[in-house]
Protein backbone atom coordinates (compact mmCIF):
# COMPACT_ATOMS: atom_id res chain seq x y z
CA MET A 1 17.64 -59.12 58.33
CA THR A 2 17.62 -62.84 57.67
CA ASP A 3 14.47 -64.95 56.34
CA ALA A 4 13.45 -68.19 55.57
CA THR A 5 11.12 -69.38 53.02
CA ASP A 6 10.59 -73.09 51.91
CA VAL A 7 10.22 -71.89 47.92
CA LEU A 8 11.50 -68.61 46.71
CA VAL A 9 10.02 -67.08 43.21
CA ILE A 10 11.53 -64.22 41.22
CA GLY A 11 9.43 -61.97 39.30
CA SER A 12 5.66 -61.73 38.84
CA GLY A 13 4.98 -61.91 35.05
CA PHE A 14 3.45 -64.52 33.85
CA SER A 15 5.85 -67.47 35.16
CA GLY A 16 6.09 -66.28 38.53
CA ILE A 17 2.14 -66.16 38.96
CA CYS A 18 1.81 -69.39 37.32
CA MET A 19 4.10 -70.51 40.13
CA GLY A 20 2.78 -69.17 42.38
CA ILE A 21 -0.69 -70.68 41.23
CA LYS A 22 0.98 -74.03 41.21
CA LEU A 23 2.07 -74.17 44.31
CA LYS A 24 -0.96 -73.19 45.89
CA GLN A 25 -2.80 -76.08 44.26
CA SER A 26 -0.30 -78.40 45.10
CA GLY A 27 -0.80 -77.39 48.92
CA ARG A 28 2.02 -75.55 49.49
CA ASP A 29 2.03 -71.99 51.40
CA ASP A 30 5.67 -71.56 52.42
CA PHE A 31 7.04 -69.52 49.25
CA VAL A 32 7.25 -66.05 48.64
CA ILE A 33 7.38 -63.97 45.13
CA LEU A 34 9.89 -61.46 44.67
CA GLU A 35 9.06 -58.63 42.45
CA LYS A 36 11.20 -55.42 41.98
CA GLY A 37 8.60 -53.25 40.63
CA ALA A 38 5.87 -51.49 42.60
CA ASP A 39 3.06 -53.83 41.30
CA LEU A 40 2.91 -57.11 39.65
CA GLY A 41 2.54 -57.72 35.92
CA GLY A 42 6.07 -57.97 34.11
CA THR A 43 6.23 -56.86 30.37
CA TRP A 44 2.27 -55.76 30.46
CA ARG A 45 3.28 -53.41 33.41
CA ASP A 46 6.31 -51.75 32.26
CA ASN A 47 5.17 -51.42 28.32
CA THR A 48 2.65 -48.80 27.90
CA TYR A 49 3.27 -47.28 24.50
CA PRO A 50 0.76 -46.59 22.11
CA GLY A 51 -1.20 -49.48 20.92
CA CYS A 52 0.43 -52.05 23.04
CA ALA A 53 -1.33 -55.54 22.74
CA CYS A 54 -0.34 -58.59 22.45
CA ASP A 55 0.20 -60.65 19.24
CA VAL A 56 -0.97 -63.94 20.14
CA PRO A 57 -4.80 -64.46 20.30
CA SER A 58 -5.59 -63.89 23.61
CA HIS A 59 -7.85 -67.27 24.40
CA LEU A 60 -4.45 -68.93 24.19
CA TYR A 61 -2.26 -66.16 25.36
CA SER A 62 -3.61 -67.04 28.93
CA PHE A 63 -3.50 -69.86 31.63
CA SER A 64 -5.65 -73.12 30.32
CA PHE A 65 -6.67 -73.13 33.88
CA GLU A 66 -8.09 -69.62 34.18
CA GLN A 67 -9.29 -68.70 31.03
CA ASN A 68 -10.93 -65.23 30.88
CA PRO A 69 -14.59 -64.64 29.27
CA ARG A 70 -14.66 -60.89 28.99
CA TRP A 71 -11.74 -60.45 26.52
CA SER A 72 -12.53 -57.49 24.66
CA ARG A 73 -10.71 -58.24 21.88
CA THR A 74 -9.36 -61.27 19.43
CA PHE A 75 -5.65 -59.53 20.51
CA SER A 76 -6.30 -57.83 23.26
CA PRO A 77 -4.68 -54.53 24.60
CA GLN A 78 -2.12 -54.28 27.35
CA ARG A 79 -3.99 -53.15 30.08
CA GLU A 80 -6.76 -56.13 29.95
CA ILE A 81 -3.64 -58.36 30.04
CA TRP A 82 -1.99 -56.82 33.19
CA ASP A 83 -5.92 -56.82 34.53
CA TYR A 84 -5.96 -60.33 33.79
CA LEU A 85 -3.02 -61.41 35.74
CA ARG A 86 -3.96 -59.09 38.77
CA HIS A 87 -7.09 -60.98 38.81
CA CYS A 88 -5.64 -64.18 38.61
CA ALA A 89 -3.00 -62.68 41.49
CA ASP A 90 -6.21 -62.11 43.86
CA ALA A 91 -8.32 -65.31 42.65
CA TYR A 92 -5.52 -67.50 44.18
CA GLY A 93 -4.59 -66.05 47.15
CA LEU A 94 -1.29 -65.08 45.84
CA THR A 95 -1.44 -61.24 47.32
CA ARG A 96 0.50 -62.26 50.63
CA HIS A 97 2.96 -63.68 49.05
CA LEU A 98 4.22 -60.75 47.06
CA ARG A 99 6.77 -58.86 48.11
CA PHE A 100 7.12 -55.89 45.66
CA GLY A 101 10.13 -53.26 45.54
CA ALA A 102 12.44 -56.32 46.17
CA GLU A 103 15.06 -56.88 43.54
CA VAL A 104 17.54 -59.88 43.88
CA THR A 105 20.80 -58.93 43.59
CA ALA A 106 22.92 -62.06 44.42
CA ALA A 107 21.62 -65.86 44.94
CA ARG A 108 24.38 -68.18 46.36
CA PHE A 109 23.75 -72.28 46.90
CA ASP A 110 25.25 -73.45 50.26
CA GLU A 111 26.15 -77.09 49.36
CA ALA A 112 26.76 -77.73 53.14
CA GLU A 113 23.20 -76.63 54.01
CA ARG A 114 21.64 -77.67 50.56
CA ARG A 115 19.97 -74.27 50.73
CA TRP A 116 19.87 -71.21 48.16
CA GLN A 117 21.03 -67.42 50.01
CA VAL A 118 19.16 -64.81 48.06
CA GLU A 119 20.20 -60.89 48.74
CA VAL A 120 17.75 -58.47 48.23
CA ASN A 121 18.47 -54.87 47.33
CA GLY A 122 21.64 -55.16 47.91
CA SER A 123 21.06 -56.16 51.87
CA ASP A 124 18.43 -58.52 53.46
CA LEU A 125 18.84 -62.32 52.86
CA ILE A 126 16.33 -64.66 52.25
CA ASP A 127 17.30 -68.78 52.94
CA SER A 128 15.49 -70.82 50.42
CA ARG A 129 15.49 -74.53 49.88
CA VAL A 130 14.33 -74.11 46.24
CA VAL A 131 14.65 -70.70 43.62
CA VAL A 132 12.72 -70.29 40.70
CA ALA A 133 13.64 -67.92 38.37
CA GLY A 134 10.83 -66.23 36.37
CA ILE A 135 12.46 -63.09 35.61
CA GLY A 136 11.66 -62.77 31.99
CA ALA A 137 13.84 -61.16 29.06
CA LEU A 138 12.59 -57.94 28.52
CA HIS A 139 12.83 -56.02 31.53
CA HIS A 140 16.16 -54.75 30.99
CA PRO A 141 15.77 -52.93 27.56
CA ASN A 142 18.47 -52.76 25.17
CA VAL A 143 19.68 -49.27 24.35
CA PRO A 144 22.10 -49.66 21.99
CA GLY A 145 25.58 -47.32 22.01
CA LEU A 146 24.70 -45.30 19.10
CA PRO A 147 27.56 -42.82 18.19
CA GLY A 148 25.93 -39.16 19.40
CA LEU A 149 23.30 -40.65 20.93
CA ALA A 150 24.29 -39.33 24.64
CA THR A 151 24.74 -35.37 23.51
CA PHE A 152 21.48 -35.45 21.63
CA GLY A 153 20.06 -32.18 22.77
CA GLY A 154 16.37 -33.93 21.89
CA THR A 155 14.16 -36.16 24.11
CA THR A 156 15.05 -40.00 23.63
CA PHE A 157 13.43 -42.86 25.29
CA HIS A 158 13.24 -46.88 24.33
CA SER A 159 9.79 -47.62 23.36
CA ALA A 160 9.57 -50.05 26.86
CA GLN A 161 9.75 -47.26 28.81
CA TRP A 162 7.47 -44.73 27.34
CA ARG A 163 7.80 -41.00 28.01
CA HIS A 164 3.75 -40.15 28.37
CA ASP A 165 4.93 -36.71 29.87
CA HIS A 166 6.40 -35.95 26.57
CA CYS A 167 3.76 -34.94 24.28
CA LEU A 168 4.97 -35.83 20.44
CA ASP A 169 2.27 -33.77 18.70
CA GLY A 170 3.58 -31.34 16.16
CA ARG A 171 7.14 -32.93 16.53
CA ARG A 172 9.60 -34.35 14.15
CA VAL A 173 10.24 -37.85 15.08
CA ALA A 174 13.13 -40.51 14.43
CA VAL A 175 12.18 -44.45 15.22
CA ILE A 176 14.76 -46.76 15.42
CA GLY A 177 13.58 -49.99 14.75
CA THR A 178 10.73 -52.05 12.50
CA GLY A 179 9.80 -55.04 14.99
CA ALA A 180 6.89 -55.83 17.08
CA SER A 181 6.54 -52.74 19.27
CA ALA A 182 7.35 -50.31 15.82
CA THR A 183 4.27 -52.25 14.06
CA GLN A 184 1.92 -50.95 16.80
CA PHE A 185 2.82 -47.53 17.88
CA VAL A 186 3.90 -46.12 14.44
CA PRO A 187 0.67 -46.51 13.41
CA LYS A 188 -0.58 -44.33 16.76
CA ILE A 189 1.94 -41.83 16.54
CA ALA A 190 1.91 -41.19 12.63
CA SER A 191 -0.77 -38.64 12.59
CA ARG A 192 0.15 -37.07 15.41
CA VAL A 193 3.74 -35.88 14.26
CA ALA A 194 4.89 -33.11 11.86
CA HIS A 195 7.30 -35.90 10.74
CA LEU A 196 8.71 -39.24 11.34
CA ASP A 197 11.60 -40.97 10.47
CA LEU A 198 11.47 -44.70 10.64
CA TYR A 199 15.05 -46.47 10.52
CA GLN A 200 15.08 -49.89 9.28
CA ARG A 201 17.82 -52.37 9.31
CA THR A 202 15.95 -55.51 7.97
CA ALA A 203 12.44 -55.98 6.94
CA ALA A 204 10.24 -57.75 8.62
CA TRP A 205 7.46 -60.26 7.17
CA VAL A 206 3.90 -58.60 8.07
CA THR A 207 0.78 -60.77 8.04
CA PRO A 208 -3.14 -59.17 8.48
CA LYS A 209 -3.99 -59.42 11.98
CA PRO A 210 -7.60 -59.86 12.24
CA ASP A 211 -8.47 -58.56 15.11
CA PRO A 212 -12.61 -58.28 15.67
CA ARG A 213 -14.09 -56.56 18.84
CA ILE A 214 -15.79 -59.45 21.21
CA ASP A 215 -19.39 -58.57 21.45
CA SER A 216 -21.54 -59.07 25.35
CA ASP A 217 -23.30 -61.89 23.74
CA ARG A 218 -20.04 -63.93 23.14
CA GLN A 219 -18.49 -62.89 26.43
CA ARG A 220 -22.05 -64.32 27.93
CA LEU A 221 -21.33 -67.37 25.88
CA TYR A 222 -18.31 -67.88 27.08
CA ALA A 223 -18.68 -67.55 31.02
CA ALA A 224 -21.63 -69.93 30.82
CA ARG A 225 -19.99 -72.50 28.73
CA PRO A 226 -16.65 -72.66 29.29
CA ALA A 227 -15.98 -75.55 26.92
CA VAL A 228 -16.63 -73.39 24.27
CA GLN A 229 -13.88 -70.85 24.85
CA HIS A 230 -11.52 -74.24 25.37
CA SER A 231 -12.18 -75.35 21.90
CA ILE A 232 -11.45 -72.25 20.37
CA ARG A 233 -8.47 -72.06 22.71
CA ASP A 234 -7.22 -75.75 21.09
CA VAL A 235 -7.67 -74.69 17.75
CA ILE A 236 -5.35 -71.57 18.08
CA PHE A 237 -2.64 -73.64 19.89
CA TRP A 238 -2.70 -76.67 16.95
CA ALA A 239 -2.78 -73.94 14.04
CA LEU A 240 0.70 -72.22 15.49
CA GLU A 241 2.03 -75.36 16.30
CA ALA A 242 1.35 -76.90 12.76
CA ARG A 243 4.09 -73.66 11.70
CA GLY A 244 6.97 -75.96 13.31
CA ALA A 245 6.10 -78.33 10.95
CA GLY A 246 6.05 -76.25 8.49
CA PHE A 247 10.02 -75.74 8.63
CA THR A 248 10.55 -79.52 9.08
CA VAL A 249 8.01 -81.72 7.77
CA THR A 250 5.40 -79.33 5.38
CA PRO A 251 7.55 -76.25 3.88
CA ARG A 252 4.94 -75.41 1.23
CA ALA A 253 2.68 -74.61 4.20
CA MET A 254 5.40 -71.85 4.94
CA ALA A 255 5.46 -70.98 1.51
CA MET A 256 1.77 -70.29 1.52
CA LEU A 257 2.26 -68.35 4.55
CA GLU A 258 4.94 -66.01 3.12
CA LYS A 259 2.81 -65.90 -0.14
CA GLN A 260 -0.07 -64.52 2.19
CA ALA A 261 2.30 -61.83 3.51
CA ARG A 262 3.34 -60.58 -0.08
CA ALA A 263 -0.05 -60.20 -0.74
CA HIS A 264 -0.73 -58.12 2.05
CA LEU A 265 2.44 -56.39 1.30
CA ALA A 266 1.20 -55.49 -2.26
CA ARG A 267 -2.62 -54.51 -1.17
CA GLN A 268 -1.20 -51.94 1.12
CA ILE A 269 1.93 -50.40 -0.42
CA ASP A 270 1.45 -49.30 -4.25
CA ASP A 271 4.89 -47.55 -4.44
CA PRO A 272 7.37 -50.59 -5.90
CA ASP A 273 10.19 -48.94 -4.71
CA LEU A 274 8.54 -48.78 -0.81
CA ARG A 275 7.65 -51.86 -1.27
CA ALA A 276 10.44 -53.46 -2.47
CA ARG A 277 12.06 -51.93 0.69
CA LEU A 278 9.68 -53.23 2.82
CA THR A 279 10.16 -57.21 1.32
CA PRO A 280 12.78 -59.09 3.73
CA ASP A 281 15.16 -61.24 1.74
CA TYR A 282 14.51 -64.14 3.91
CA GLN A 283 12.26 -67.25 4.32
CA ILE A 284 9.44 -66.21 6.66
CA GLY A 285 9.81 -67.71 9.81
CA CYS A 286 13.52 -67.22 10.47
CA LYS A 287 12.48 -63.92 12.46
CA ARG A 288 9.47 -63.21 13.97
CA ILE A 289 6.15 -63.07 12.12
CA LEU A 290 4.41 -59.43 12.87
CA LEU A 291 0.85 -58.75 12.41
CA SER A 292 -0.61 -55.77 11.38
CA ASP A 293 -3.62 -53.74 9.45
CA ASP A 294 -2.19 -50.46 9.80
CA PHE A 295 1.54 -50.31 9.58
CA TYR A 296 1.96 -50.73 6.13
CA PRO A 297 -0.28 -47.52 5.42
CA ALA A 298 1.21 -45.32 8.07
CA LEU A 299 4.52 -45.97 6.06
CA THR A 300 2.54 -44.28 2.95
CA ARG A 301 1.84 -41.40 4.80
CA ASP A 302 3.35 -37.89 3.35
CA ASN A 303 4.86 -36.99 6.71
CA VAL A 304 6.69 -40.72 7.43
CA ASP A 305 10.02 -41.76 5.64
CA LEU A 306 11.22 -45.22 5.75
CA VAL A 307 15.28 -44.85 6.11
CA THR A 308 16.86 -48.07 4.68
């Protein structure tokens, strides 16, 4: 079967949904958004591990043209972000343009016809003038080929494909990696497991996470006066953009941020040996900066060991 469309968008995460909205706003209606999953949302559909949330303030981690006055927290949890994307798709009339269970398996550009031939699910073809790739980078979890992993007798899974059917209560658990996901789910499972070994290759800089709830009065204010929320968004945007200048123009700013991270570590970790192993040996910002108020305390539990 061969279909035809003017614009074909691959993926229905933030990029794909935004592309669809902008096509609608420009008066274009002849387009399709292909999604290999059963629903839209990309990484916010797939990642459901305990504690999953955004580490960018929600006023900024959203479309500037579709602010959400109903965020419950400064850093919204996974479910709210997923619901927000579905709201955007409904509000801008994208539902009929979405095709779920449609995985792009090949794409070839016909030089003579100046058109794309896109193969879907290994058989169907869609002829398109333009192809927009909004595939993201997180939909194929990186599972390292560790020796012995294939023959391990226990249960294994990647945090991006969390096994909610496998109860961790009272079990011995090994977590490999201390990146952004681990800092969120380790505190959530540490109190439930019998013992947790956390394997760390490289320590990460961790700064405090100011995550207050947004009360109903503030939500009503944002709904009634959108300019207030936009102003907050602008402040957050420029504050984060200023970090880039810290590497090139004002390195003192990054030094201040590193000092804050060191103080955060010192406040939460009393054991000098553990604190030393959690202290990175590189300048802050060279790797992703993490935000958490409960990751370090989780590592001080009697049933948690950091393996370095």
